[in-house]
Amino acid sequence: MSRSRANELSELIHRLGSRTRSTVDAARARLAIAGPRAVEHLVEALEGDNDRIRARVMPLLALIQDSRGRGPLVAMLLDRKSRLREIAARSLGRFPSAATVVALDRLLQKERSEKVKIAAVQALVEQYEAGQDQAICKVLDIITDDVAATGVRLAALTLLPRLRPSARRGILERLQQDPNAEVRLAAAKVE
């Protein structure tokens, strides 16, 4: 890559840190068009200390879907800041692979933030839709776990319409008896 193109990509990534929406949107669009050529620079930006840039880089990596972005996004699941872990989990939904499923499952086991757990569940549902059948296991566990947070369970319920009716029926019958009224209502809507 030429030096001028590398400088241009670095400048565009720097603009992602702007507080001006039009500047950020223009930089996003140009980086998305650059696609795979921008991935190396986007990954480097994840290692920086500007959280605004890091938060805006992750969805770009998800949009570009270059496999070089998956590993750094998995690493972001370990970030100190729950907001960044949440964005990383959402972004990983676009990288279907067994390794991504394992990383999201691991996140769900140790995560305390409900927002991050919801993002991880939504990403697992995306993984399932993309053909990663093993992504269903943890989501099904959450659906039927009556001590799990309501928001997380409601996010997991989005899986049900994607299941065959015969597979869905037994789960819905069980949820009719669930102690959580919100879960019962959401399950009734699926039915």
N, C-alpha and C. Protein backbone atom coordinates (compact mmCIF):
# COMPACT_ATOMS: atom_id res chain seq x y z
N MET A 1 0.85 -1.17 0.00
CA MET A 1 0.00 0.00 0.00
C MET A 1 0.89 1.23 0.00
N SER A 2 0.53 2.20 -0.81
CA SER A 2 1.35 3.40 -0.90
C SER A 2 1.27 4.20 0.40
N ARG A 3 2.33 4.98 0.61
CA ARG A 3 2.40 5.79 1.83
C ARG A 3 1.24 6.78 1.91
N SER A 4 0.88 7.37 0.76
CA SER A 4 -0.22 8.36 0.78
C SER A 4 -1.56 7.68 1.11
N ARG A 5 -1.77 6.46 0.61
CA ARG A 5 -3.01 5.75 0.92
C ARG A 5 -3.04 5.38 2.41
N ALA A 6 -1.91 4.94 2.95
CA ALA A 6 -1.84 4.60 4.37
C ALA A 6 -2.11 5.83 5.23
N ASN A 7 -1.54 6.97 4.83
CA ASN A 7 -1.79 8.22 5.57
C ASN A 7 -3.26 8.62 5.49
N GLU A 8 -3.87 8.42 4.32
CA GLU A 8 -5.28 8.75 4.14
C GLU A 8 -6.15 7.88 5.05
N LEU A 9 -5.86 6.59 5.11
CA LEU A 9 -6.62 5.69 5.97
C LEU A 9 -6.44 6.06 7.45
N SER A 10 -5.22 6.38 7.84
CA SER A 10 -4.97 6.80 9.23
C SER A 10 -5.74 8.07 9.56
N GLU A 11 -5.77 9.00 8.63
CA GLU A 11 -6.51 10.25 8.85
C GLU A 11 -8.01 9.98 8.96
N LEU A 12 -8.53 9.10 8.12
CA LEU A 12 -9.96 8.76 8.19
C LEU A 12 -10.30 8.12 9.54
N ILE A 13 -9.43 7.26 10.03
CA ILE A 13 -9.67 6.63 11.34
C ILE A 13 -9.61 7.69 12.44
N HIS A 14 -8.69 8.62 12.31
CA HIS A 14 -8.61 9.72 13.29
C HIS A 14 -9.92 10.52 13.30
N ARG A 15 -10.52 10.71 12.13
CA ARG A 15 -11.79 11.46 12.04
C ARG A 15 -12.95 10.72 12.71
N LEU A 16 -12.83 9.42 12.88
CA LEU A 16 -13.88 8.69 13.59
C LEU A 16 -14.01 9.17 15.03
N GLY A 17 -13.00 9.81 15.55
CA GLY A 17 -13.03 10.34 16.91
C GLY A 17 -13.68 11.70 17.02
N SER A 18 -14.10 12.25 15.90
CA SER A 18 -14.72 13.59 15.90
C SER A 18 -16.05 13.58 16.65
N ARG A 19 -16.41 14.74 17.15
CA ARG A 19 -17.72 14.91 17.77
C ARG A 19 -18.75 15.40 16.75
N THR A 20 -18.30 15.67 15.53
CA THR A 20 -19.18 16.15 14.47
C THR A 20 -19.68 14.96 13.67
N ARG A 21 -20.98 14.76 13.69
CA ARG A 21 -21.58 13.59 13.05
C ARG A 21 -21.25 13.48 11.56
N SER A 22 -21.30 14.60 10.85
CA SER A 22 -21.04 14.56 9.41
C SER A 22 -19.60 14.14 9.12
N THR A 23 -18.67 14.55 9.97
CA THR A 23 -17.26 14.15 9.80
C THR A 23 -17.12 12.65 10.02
N VAL A 24 -17.76 12.15 11.06
CA VAL A 24 -17.70 10.71 11.37
C VAL A 24 -18.36 9.91 10.25
N ASP A 25 -19.53 10.34 9.80
CA ASP A 25 -20.24 9.61 8.75
C ASP A 25 -19.44 9.55 7.45
N ALA A 26 -18.80 10.67 7.10
CA ALA A 26 -17.99 10.70 5.88
C ALA A 26 -16.78 9.76 6.01
N ALA A 27 -16.16 9.77 7.17
CA ALA A 27 -15.00 8.89 7.39
C ALA A 27 -15.43 7.43 7.34
N ARG A 28 -16.57 7.12 7.99
CA ARG A 28 -17.09 5.74 7.97
C ARG A 28 -17.33 5.27 6.54
N ALA A 29 -17.97 6.12 5.75
CA ALA A 29 -18.29 5.75 4.37
C ALA A 29 -17.02 5.47 3.57
N ARG A 30 -16.03 6.33 3.71
CA ARG A 30 -14.78 6.14 2.96
C ARG A 30 -14.04 4.88 3.42
N LEU A 31 -14.05 4.62 4.73
CA LEU A 31 -13.39 3.42 5.24
C LEU A 31 -14.13 2.15 4.79
N ALA A 32 -15.44 2.22 4.75
CA ALA A 32 -16.23 1.07 4.29
C ALA A 32 -15.93 0.79 2.82
N ILE A 33 -15.78 1.83 2.03
CA ILE A 33 -15.44 1.65 0.62
C ILE A 33 -14.04 1.06 0.47
N ALA A 34 -13.13 1.50 1.32
CA ALA A 34 -11.76 0.95 1.28
C ALA A 34 -11.77 -0.53 1.64
N GLY A 35 -12.74 -0.93 2.46
CA GLY A 35 -12.93 -2.33 2.79
C GLY A 35 -11.68 -3.03 3.30
N PRO A 36 -11.32 -4.16 2.70
CA PRO A 36 -10.18 -4.95 3.18
C PRO A 36 -8.87 -4.17 3.26
N ARG A 37 -8.71 -3.15 2.43
CA ARG A 37 -7.48 -2.35 2.49
C ARG A 37 -7.37 -1.59 3.81
N ALA A 38 -8.51 -1.33 4.47
CA ALA A 38 -8.51 -0.55 5.71
C ALA A 38 -8.39 -1.43 6.96
N VAL A 39 -8.56 -2.73 6.82
CA VAL A 39 -8.66 -3.62 7.98
C VAL A 39 -7.45 -3.51 8.89
N GLU A 40 -6.26 -3.56 8.33
CA GLU A 40 -5.05 -3.50 9.16
C GLU A 40 -5.03 -2.22 10.01
N HIS A 41 -5.40 -1.12 9.42
CA HIS A 41 -5.42 0.17 10.15
C HIS A 41 -6.54 0.18 11.20
N LEU A 42 -7.68 -0.40 10.87
CA LEU A 42 -8.78 -0.46 11.83
C LEU A 42 -8.40 -1.32 13.04
N VAL A 43 -7.75 -2.43 12.77
CA VAL A 43 -7.30 -3.30 13.86
C VAL A 43 -6.30 -2.57 14.76
N GLU A 44 -5.39 -1.84 14.15
CA GLU A 44 -4.43 -1.05 14.94
C GLU A 44 -5.15 -0.03 15.83
N ALA A 45 -6.22 0.55 15.31
CA ALA A 45 -6.96 1.55 16.08
C ALA A 45 -7.59 0.94 17.33
N LEU A 46 -7.92 -0.35 17.28
CA LEU A 46 -8.49 -1.01 18.46
C LEU A 46 -7.48 -1.07 19.61
N GLU A 47 -6.22 -1.00 19.28
CA GLU A 47 -5.18 -1.05 20.30
C GLU A 47 -4.89 0.32 20.89
N GLY A 48 -5.50 1.36 20.33
CA GLY A 48 -5.27 2.72 20.82
C GLY A 48 -6.03 2.98 22.10
N ASP A 49 -5.93 4.23 22.57
CA ASP A 49 -6.57 4.58 23.85
C ASP A 49 -7.78 5.50 23.67
N ASN A 50 -8.18 5.75 22.43
CA ASN A 50 -9.35 6.59 22.19
C ASN A 50 -10.59 5.69 22.09
N ASP A 51 -11.37 5.70 23.17
CA ASP A 51 -12.54 4.81 23.21
C ASP A 51 -13.59 5.16 22.16
N ARG A 52 -13.71 6.42 21.82
CA ARG A 52 -14.68 6.80 20.79
C ARG A 52 -14.30 6.18 19.46
N ILE A 53 -13.02 6.24 19.11
CA ILE A 53 -12.56 5.64 17.86
C ILE A 53 -12.72 4.12 17.93
N ARG A 54 -12.34 3.52 19.03
CA ARG A 54 -12.45 2.07 19.17
C ARG A 54 -13.91 1.63 19.01
N ALA A 55 -14.83 2.37 19.61
CA ALA A 55 -16.26 2.03 19.52
C ALA A 55 -16.78 2.15 18.09
N ARG A 56 -16.21 3.04 17.32
CA ARG A 56 -16.68 3.24 15.94
C ARG A 56 -15.96 2.33 14.94
N VAL A 57 -14.82 1.82 15.32
CA VAL A 57 -14.07 0.92 14.45
C VAL A 57 -14.72 -0.47 14.42
N MET A 58 -15.20 -0.93 15.56
CA MET A 58 -15.73 -2.31 15.62
C MET A 58 -16.87 -2.57 14.65
N PRO A 59 -17.89 -1.69 14.57
CA PRO A 59 -18.95 -1.94 13.59
C PRO A 59 -18.43 -1.89 12.14
N LEU A 60 -17.39 -1.10 11.91
CA LEU A 60 -16.81 -1.08 10.57
C LEU A 60 -16.16 -2.42 10.23
N LEU A 61 -15.47 -2.99 11.19
CA LEU A 61 -14.89 -4.32 10.95
C LEU A 61 -16.00 -5.34 10.68
N ALA A 62 -17.11 -5.21 11.39
CA ALA A 62 -18.25 -6.11 11.16
C ALA A 62 -18.83 -5.90 9.77
N LEU A 63 -18.90 -4.67 9.35
CA LEU A 63 -19.44 -4.36 8.02
C LEU A 63 -18.54 -4.93 6.92
N ILE A 64 -17.24 -4.76 7.08
CA ILE A 64 -16.28 -5.23 6.07
C ILE A 64 -16.21 -6.76 6.07
N GLN A 65 -16.34 -7.38 7.23
CA GLN A 65 -16.35 -8.83 7.39
C GLN A 65 -15.08 -9.52 6.87
N ASP A 66 -13.97 -8.87 7.00
CA ASP A 66 -12.69 -9.50 6.65
C ASP A 66 -12.28 -10.34 7.85
N SER A 67 -11.86 -11.56 7.62
CA SER A 67 -11.56 -12.49 8.71
C SER A 67 -10.47 -11.97 9.65
N ARG A 68 -9.63 -11.05 9.19
CA ARG A 68 -8.60 -10.48 10.06
C ARG A 68 -9.19 -9.66 11.19
N GLY A 69 -10.45 -9.29 11.08
CA GLY A 69 -11.09 -8.48 12.13
C GLY A 69 -11.66 -9.31 13.27
N ARG A 70 -11.89 -10.59 13.04
CA ARG A 70 -12.54 -11.41 14.07
C ARG A 70 -11.71 -11.53 15.34
N GLY A 71 -10.45 -11.89 15.24
CA GLY A 71 -9.59 -12.08 16.41
C GLY A 71 -9.51 -10.83 17.28
N PRO A 72 -9.25 -9.67 16.69
CA PRO A 72 -9.22 -8.46 17.51
C PRO A 72 -10.56 -8.14 18.17
N LEU A 73 -11.66 -8.47 17.50
CA LEU A 73 -12.97 -8.25 18.12
C LEU A 73 -13.17 -9.19 19.30
N VAL A 74 -12.73 -10.44 19.15
CA VAL A 74 -12.80 -11.38 20.27
C VAL A 74 -11.98 -10.84 21.44
N ALA A 75 -10.82 -10.29 21.15
CA ALA A 75 -9.99 -9.71 22.22
C ALA A 75 -10.70 -8.55 22.91
N MET A 76 -11.50 -7.81 22.17
CA MET A 76 -12.24 -6.67 22.76
C MET A 76 -13.30 -7.13 23.76
N LEU A 77 -13.67 -8.40 23.72
CA LEU A 77 -14.62 -8.92 24.70
C LEU A 77 -14.03 -8.90 26.11
N LEU A 78 -12.73 -8.70 26.21
CA LEU A 78 -12.05 -8.66 27.50
C LEU A 78 -11.79 -7.23 27.98
N ASP A 79 -12.24 -6.25 27.24
CA ASP A 79 -11.98 -4.86 27.60
C ASP A 79 -12.59 -4.53 28.97
N ARG A 80 -11.99 -3.59 29.65
CA ARG A 80 -12.48 -3.17 30.97
C ARG A 80 -13.85 -2.51 30.88
N LYS A 81 -14.12 -1.85 29.78
CA LYS A 81 -15.35 -1.06 29.65
C LYS A 81 -16.47 -1.89 29.04
N SER A 82 -17.57 -1.95 29.78
CA SER A 82 -18.69 -2.79 29.32
C SER A 82 -19.26 -2.30 28.00
N ARG A 83 -19.25 -1.00 27.76
CA ARG A 83 -19.78 -0.46 26.51
C ARG A 83 -18.99 -1.02 25.31
N LEU A 84 -17.68 -1.10 25.46
CA LEU A 84 -16.86 -1.63 24.37
C LEU A 84 -17.03 -3.14 24.22
N ARG A 85 -17.21 -3.85 25.34
CA ARG A 85 -17.49 -5.29 25.24
C ARG A 85 -18.82 -5.52 24.54
N GLU A 86 -19.80 -4.67 24.82
CA GLU A 86 -21.12 -4.78 24.18
C GLU A 86 -21.01 -4.60 22.66
N ILE A 87 -20.28 -3.58 22.24
CA ILE A 87 -20.12 -3.32 20.80
C ILE A 87 -19.36 -4.46 20.14
N ALA A 88 -18.35 -4.97 20.83
CA ALA A 88 -17.58 -6.10 20.28
C ALA A 88 -18.48 -7.32 20.09
N ALA A 89 -19.30 -7.60 21.09
CA ALA A 89 -20.21 -8.76 20.98
C ALA A 89 -21.17 -8.58 19.81
N ARG A 90 -21.76 -7.40 19.69
CA ARG A 90 -22.67 -7.14 18.56
C ARG A 90 -21.95 -7.32 17.22
N SER A 91 -20.75 -6.80 17.15
CA SER A 91 -19.98 -6.86 15.90
C SER A 91 -19.63 -8.30 15.53
N LEU A 92 -19.39 -9.13 16.53
CA LEU A 92 -19.01 -10.52 16.25
C LEU A 92 -20.16 -11.32 15.65
N GLY A 93 -21.36 -10.85 15.76
CA GLY A 93 -22.48 -11.53 15.11
C GLY A 93 -22.28 -11.67 13.62
N ARG A 94 -21.48 -10.80 13.02
CA ARG A 94 -21.25 -10.80 11.58
C ARG A 94 -20.10 -11.69 11.15
N PHE A 95 -19.48 -12.39 12.10
CA PHE A 95 -18.33 -13.26 11.80
C PHE A 95 -18.66 -14.70 12.15
N PRO A 96 -19.48 -15.38 11.33
CA PRO A 96 -19.89 -16.75 11.66
C PRO A 96 -18.71 -17.72 11.66
N SER A 97 -18.49 -18.32 12.81
CA SER A 97 -17.47 -19.37 12.93
C SER A 97 -17.62 -20.04 14.29
N ALA A 98 -17.12 -21.24 14.38
CA ALA A 98 -17.16 -21.97 15.65
C ALA A 98 -16.38 -21.22 16.72
N ALA A 99 -15.26 -20.61 16.35
CA ALA A 99 -14.45 -19.87 17.32
C ALA A 99 -15.21 -18.67 17.88
N THR A 100 -15.99 -18.02 17.04
CA THR A 100 -16.79 -16.88 17.51
C THR A 100 -17.84 -17.36 18.50
N VAL A 101 -18.49 -18.47 18.21
CA VAL A 101 -19.50 -19.02 19.12
C VAL A 101 -18.87 -19.32 20.47
N VAL A 102 -17.70 -19.94 20.46
CA VAL A 102 -17.01 -20.27 21.72
C VAL A 102 -16.71 -19.00 22.50
N ALA A 103 -16.24 -17.97 21.83
CA ALA A 103 -15.90 -16.71 22.52
C ALA A 103 -17.15 -16.07 23.12
N LEU A 104 -18.26 -16.09 22.40
CA LEU A 104 -19.50 -15.49 22.91
C LEU A 104 -20.06 -16.31 24.06
N ASP A 105 -19.98 -17.63 23.96
CA ASP A 105 -20.42 -18.50 25.07
C ASP A 105 -19.60 -18.21 26.33
N ARG A 106 -18.30 -18.09 26.16
CA ARG A 106 -17.40 -17.80 27.29
C ARG A 106 -17.76 -16.45 27.91
N LEU A 107 -18.05 -15.47 27.06
CA LEU A 107 -18.44 -14.15 27.56
C LEU A 107 -19.70 -14.25 28.41
N LEU A 108 -20.68 -15.00 27.93
CA LEU A 108 -21.94 -15.14 28.68
C LEU A 108 -21.73 -15.79 30.05
N GLN A 109 -20.77 -16.68 30.15
CA GLN A 109 -20.53 -17.36 31.41
C GLN A 109 -19.98 -16.44 32.49
N LYS A 110 -19.18 -15.45 32.10
CA LYS A 110 -18.52 -14.63 33.11
C LYS A 110 -18.99 -13.18 33.16
N GLU A 111 -19.74 -12.75 32.19
CA GLU A 111 -20.15 -11.35 32.10
C GLU A 111 -21.19 -10.99 33.17
N ARG A 112 -21.08 -9.79 33.70
CA ARG A 112 -22.04 -9.31 34.70
C ARG A 112 -23.02 -8.29 34.12
N SER A 113 -22.59 -7.56 33.11
CA SER A 113 -23.43 -6.51 32.53
C SER A 113 -24.56 -7.12 31.69
N GLU A 114 -25.79 -6.73 32.03
CA GLU A 114 -26.93 -7.25 31.28
C GLU A 114 -26.89 -6.81 29.82
N LYS A 115 -26.48 -5.57 29.55
CA LYS A 115 -26.42 -5.08 28.17
C LYS A 115 -25.43 -5.89 27.34
N VAL A 116 -24.31 -6.24 27.94
CA VAL A 116 -23.31 -7.04 27.22
C VAL A 116 -23.86 -8.44 26.96
N LYS A 117 -24.54 -9.00 27.96
CA LYS A 117 -25.13 -10.34 27.78
C LYS A 117 -26.17 -10.32 26.67
N ILE A 118 -26.99 -9.29 26.63
CA ILE A 118 -28.01 -9.18 25.57
C ILE A 118 -27.34 -9.13 24.20
N ALA A 119 -26.27 -8.33 24.09
CA ALA A 119 -25.55 -8.23 22.82
C ALA A 119 -24.96 -9.59 22.42
N ALA A 120 -24.43 -10.32 23.40
CA ALA A 120 -23.85 -11.63 23.12
C ALA A 120 -24.92 -12.62 22.67
N VAL A 121 -26.08 -12.59 23.31
CA VAL A 121 -27.17 -13.48 22.92
C VAL A 121 -27.63 -13.14 21.49
N GLN A 122 -27.78 -11.86 21.20
CA GLN A 122 -28.20 -11.47 19.85
C GLN A 122 -27.17 -11.92 18.81
N ALA A 123 -25.90 -11.81 19.16
CA ALA A 123 -24.84 -12.26 18.24
C ALA A 123 -24.90 -13.77 18.04
N LEU A 124 -25.20 -14.51 19.10
CA LEU A 124 -25.33 -15.96 18.96
C LEU A 124 -26.51 -16.33 18.07
N VAL A 125 -27.60 -15.59 18.18
CA VAL A 125 -28.75 -15.84 17.30
C VAL A 125 -28.33 -15.59 15.84
N GLU A 126 -27.56 -14.52 15.61
CA GLU A 126 -27.05 -14.26 14.25
C GLU A 126 -26.15 -15.40 13.78
N GLN A 127 -25.32 -15.90 14.70
CA GLN A 127 -24.44 -17.02 14.37
C GLN A 127 -25.26 -18.24 13.95
N TYR A 128 -26.32 -18.51 14.69
CA TYR A 128 -27.19 -19.64 14.37
C TYR A 128 -27.81 -19.46 12.98
N GLU A 129 -28.29 -18.25 12.71
CA GLU A 129 -28.89 -17.98 11.40
C GLU A 129 -27.88 -18.15 10.27
N ALA A 130 -26.60 -17.93 10.57
CA ALA A 130 -25.56 -18.04 9.55
C ALA A 130 -25.03 -19.47 9.43
N GLY A 131 -25.67 -20.41 10.13
CA GLY A 131 -25.30 -21.81 9.96
C GLY A 131 -24.45 -22.40 11.07
N GLN A 132 -24.20 -21.65 12.12
CA GLN A 132 -23.42 -22.16 13.25
C GLN A 132 -24.39 -22.80 14.24
N ASP A 133 -24.73 -24.05 14.01
CA ASP A 133 -25.75 -24.73 14.81
C ASP A 133 -25.42 -24.81 16.29
N GLN A 134 -24.14 -24.86 16.64
CA GLN A 134 -23.76 -24.95 18.05
C GLN A 134 -24.10 -23.67 18.82
N ALA A 135 -24.37 -22.58 18.12
CA ALA A 135 -24.71 -21.32 18.78
C ALA A 135 -26.04 -21.42 19.52
N ILE A 136 -26.85 -22.38 19.18
CA ILE A 136 -28.19 -22.51 19.75
C ILE A 136 -28.16 -22.98 21.21
N CYS A 137 -27.15 -23.73 21.58
CA CYS A 137 -27.13 -24.39 22.91
C CYS A 137 -27.24 -23.38 24.05
N LYS A 138 -26.37 -22.42 24.10
CA LYS A 138 -26.36 -21.45 25.20
C LYS A 138 -27.64 -20.61 25.18
N VAL A 139 -28.12 -20.27 23.99
CA VAL A 139 -29.33 -19.46 23.88
C VAL A 139 -30.53 -20.22 24.43
N LEU A 140 -30.64 -21.50 24.11
CA LEU A 140 -31.73 -22.32 24.63
C LEU A 140 -31.64 -22.44 26.15
N ASP A 141 -30.43 -22.57 26.67
CA ASP A 141 -30.25 -22.61 28.13
C ASP A 141 -30.79 -21.35 28.78
N ILE A 142 -30.51 -20.21 28.18
CA ILE A 142 -30.94 -18.92 28.74
C ILE A 142 -32.46 -18.79 28.67
N ILE A 143 -33.06 -19.22 27.57
CA ILE A 143 -34.51 -19.12 27.42
C ILE A 143 -35.22 -19.80 28.59
N THR A 144 -34.73 -20.95 28.99
CA THR A 144 -35.42 -21.73 30.03
C THR A 144 -34.85 -21.50 31.43
N ASP A 145 -33.90 -20.61 31.58
CA ASP A 145 -33.29 -20.32 32.89
C ASP A 145 -34.10 -19.24 33.59
N ASP A 146 -35.00 -19.64 34.49
CA ASP A 146 -35.90 -18.66 35.10
C ASP A 146 -35.22 -17.76 36.14
N VAL A 147 -33.92 -17.92 36.35
CA VAL A 147 -33.21 -16.98 37.21
C VAL A 147 -32.33 -16.01 36.41
N ALA A 148 -32.24 -16.20 35.11
CA ALA A 148 -31.49 -15.27 34.26
C ALA A 148 -32.24 -13.94 34.18
N ALA A 149 -31.52 -12.88 33.92
CA ALA A 149 -32.12 -11.54 33.81
C ALA A 149 -33.19 -11.53 32.72
N THR A 150 -34.27 -10.84 32.98
CA THR A 150 -35.40 -10.79 32.05
C THR A 150 -34.98 -10.30 30.67
N GLY A 151 -34.20 -9.22 30.61
CA GLY A 151 -33.77 -8.68 29.32
C GLY A 151 -32.98 -9.68 28.50
N VAL A 152 -32.14 -10.44 29.17
CA VAL A 152 -31.33 -11.45 28.49
C VAL A 152 -32.23 -12.56 27.97
N ARG A 153 -33.18 -12.98 28.77
CA ARG A 153 -34.11 -14.03 28.34
C ARG A 153 -34.96 -13.56 27.16
N LEU A 154 -35.41 -12.31 27.21
CA LEU A 154 -36.21 -11.78 26.10
C LEU A 154 -35.39 -11.73 24.82
N ALA A 155 -34.11 -11.38 24.94
CA ALA A 155 -33.24 -11.39 23.76
C ALA A 155 -33.10 -12.81 23.22
N ALA A 156 -32.98 -13.77 24.11
CA ALA A 156 -32.84 -15.17 23.70
C ALA A 156 -34.11 -15.67 23.00
N LEU A 157 -35.26 -15.16 23.42
CA LEU A 157 -36.52 -15.59 22.81
C LEU A 157 -36.60 -15.25 21.32
N THR A 158 -35.77 -14.33 20.84
CA THR A 158 -35.79 -14.01 19.41
C THR A 158 -35.33 -15.19 18.56
N LEU A 159 -34.75 -16.18 19.21
CA LEU A 159 -34.34 -17.40 18.50
C LEU A 159 -35.55 -18.24 18.09
N LEU A 160 -36.59 -18.25 18.91
CA LEU A 160 -37.71 -19.18 18.71
C LEU A 160 -38.34 -19.13 17.32
N PRO A 161 -38.63 -17.96 16.76
CA PRO A 161 -39.24 -17.97 15.42
C PRO A 161 -38.34 -18.60 14.35
N ARG A 162 -37.07 -18.72 14.62
CA ARG A 162 -36.14 -19.28 13.66
C ARG A 162 -36.07 -20.81 13.74
N LEU A 163 -36.68 -21.38 14.77
CA LEU A 163 -36.69 -22.83 14.94
C LEU A 163 -37.85 -23.45 14.19
N ARG A 164 -37.70 -24.73 13.87
CA ARG A 164 -38.82 -25.47 13.26
C ARG A 164 -39.97 -25.49 14.27
N PRO A 165 -41.20 -25.45 13.79
CA PRO A 165 -42.35 -25.46 14.71
C PRO A 165 -42.34 -26.62 15.69
N SER A 166 -41.90 -27.78 15.24
CA SER A 166 -41.89 -28.95 16.14
C SER A 166 -40.87 -28.75 17.26
N ALA A 167 -39.74 -28.11 16.99
CA ALA A 167 -38.72 -27.85 18.01
C ALA A 167 -39.17 -26.73 18.94
N ARG A 168 -39.89 -25.79 18.40
CA ARG A 168 -40.34 -24.62 19.16
C ARG A 168 -41.47 -24.97 20.13
N ARG A 169 -42.33 -25.88 19.75
CA ARG A 169 -43.56 -26.19 20.50
C ARG A 169 -43.30 -26.53 21.96
N GLY A 170 -42.37 -27.45 22.22
CA GLY A 170 -42.08 -27.86 23.60
C GLY A 170 -41.55 -26.73 24.45
N ILE A 171 -40.72 -25.90 23.87
CA ILE A 171 -40.17 -24.75 24.61
C ILE A 171 -41.28 -23.78 24.96
N LEU A 172 -42.16 -23.52 24.01
CA LEU A 172 -43.25 -22.58 24.26
C LEU A 172 -44.21 -23.11 25.33
N GLU A 173 -44.46 -24.40 25.31
CA GLU A 173 -45.32 -24.99 26.35
C GLU A 173 -44.70 -24.81 27.72
N ARG A 174 -43.40 -25.03 27.81
CA ARG A 174 -42.71 -24.85 29.09
C ARG A 174 -42.76 -23.39 29.54
N LEU A 175 -42.61 -22.47 28.59
CA LEU A 175 -42.60 -21.04 28.94
C LEU A 175 -43.98 -20.53 29.37
N GLN A 176 -45.04 -21.23 29.01
CA GLN A 176 -46.38 -20.84 29.47
C GLN A 176 -46.49 -20.94 30.99
N GLN A 177 -45.64 -21.75 31.60
CA GLN A 177 -45.63 -21.94 33.06
C GLN A 177 -44.53 -21.12 33.73
N ASP A 178 -43.82 -20.31 32.98
CA ASP A 178 -42.66 -19.59 33.52
C ASP A 178 -43.11 -18.61 34.61
N PRO A 179 -42.32 -18.48 35.68
CA PRO A 179 -42.69 -17.55 36.75
C PRO A 179 -42.61 -16.07 36.34
N ASN A 180 -41.91 -15.77 35.25
CA ASN A 180 -41.74 -14.39 34.81
C ASN A 180 -42.84 -14.02 33.82
N ALA A 181 -43.67 -13.05 34.20
CA ALA A 181 -44.81 -12.65 33.37
C ALA A 181 -44.37 -12.08 32.02
N GLU A 182 -43.27 -11.33 31.99
CA GLU A 182 -42.79 -10.76 30.73
C GLU A 182 -42.37 -11.86 29.76
N VAL A 183 -41.72 -12.88 30.28
CA VAL A 183 -41.29 -14.00 29.45
C VAL A 183 -42.51 -14.76 28.94
N ARG A 184 -43.50 -14.97 29.81
CA ARG A 184 -44.74 -15.67 29.38
C ARG A 184 -45.40 -14.89 28.25
N LEU A 185 -45.49 -13.58 28.41
CA LEU A 185 -46.14 -12.73 27.39
C LEU A 185 -45.36 -12.77 26.06
N ALA A 186 -44.04 -12.66 26.14
CA ALA A 186 -43.21 -12.70 24.91
C ALA A 186 -43.34 -14.06 24.24
N ALA A 187 -43.37 -15.11 25.01
CA ALA A 187 -43.53 -16.45 24.44
C ALA A 187 -44.88 -16.61 23.77
N ALA A 188 -45.92 -16.05 24.38
CA ALA A 188 -47.27 -16.12 23.79
C ALA A 188 -47.30 -15.40 22.45
N LYS A 189 -46.54 -14.31 22.32
CA LYS A 189 -46.49 -13.57 21.06
C LYS A 189 -45.80 -14.38 19.97
N VAL A 190 -44.80 -15.16 20.36
CA VAL A 190 -44.11 -16.02 19.39
C VAL A 190 -45.04 -17.08 18.87
N GLU A 191 -45.85 -17.62 19.79
CA GLU A 191 -46.78 -18.69 19.46
C GLU A 191 -47.84 -18.16 18.52
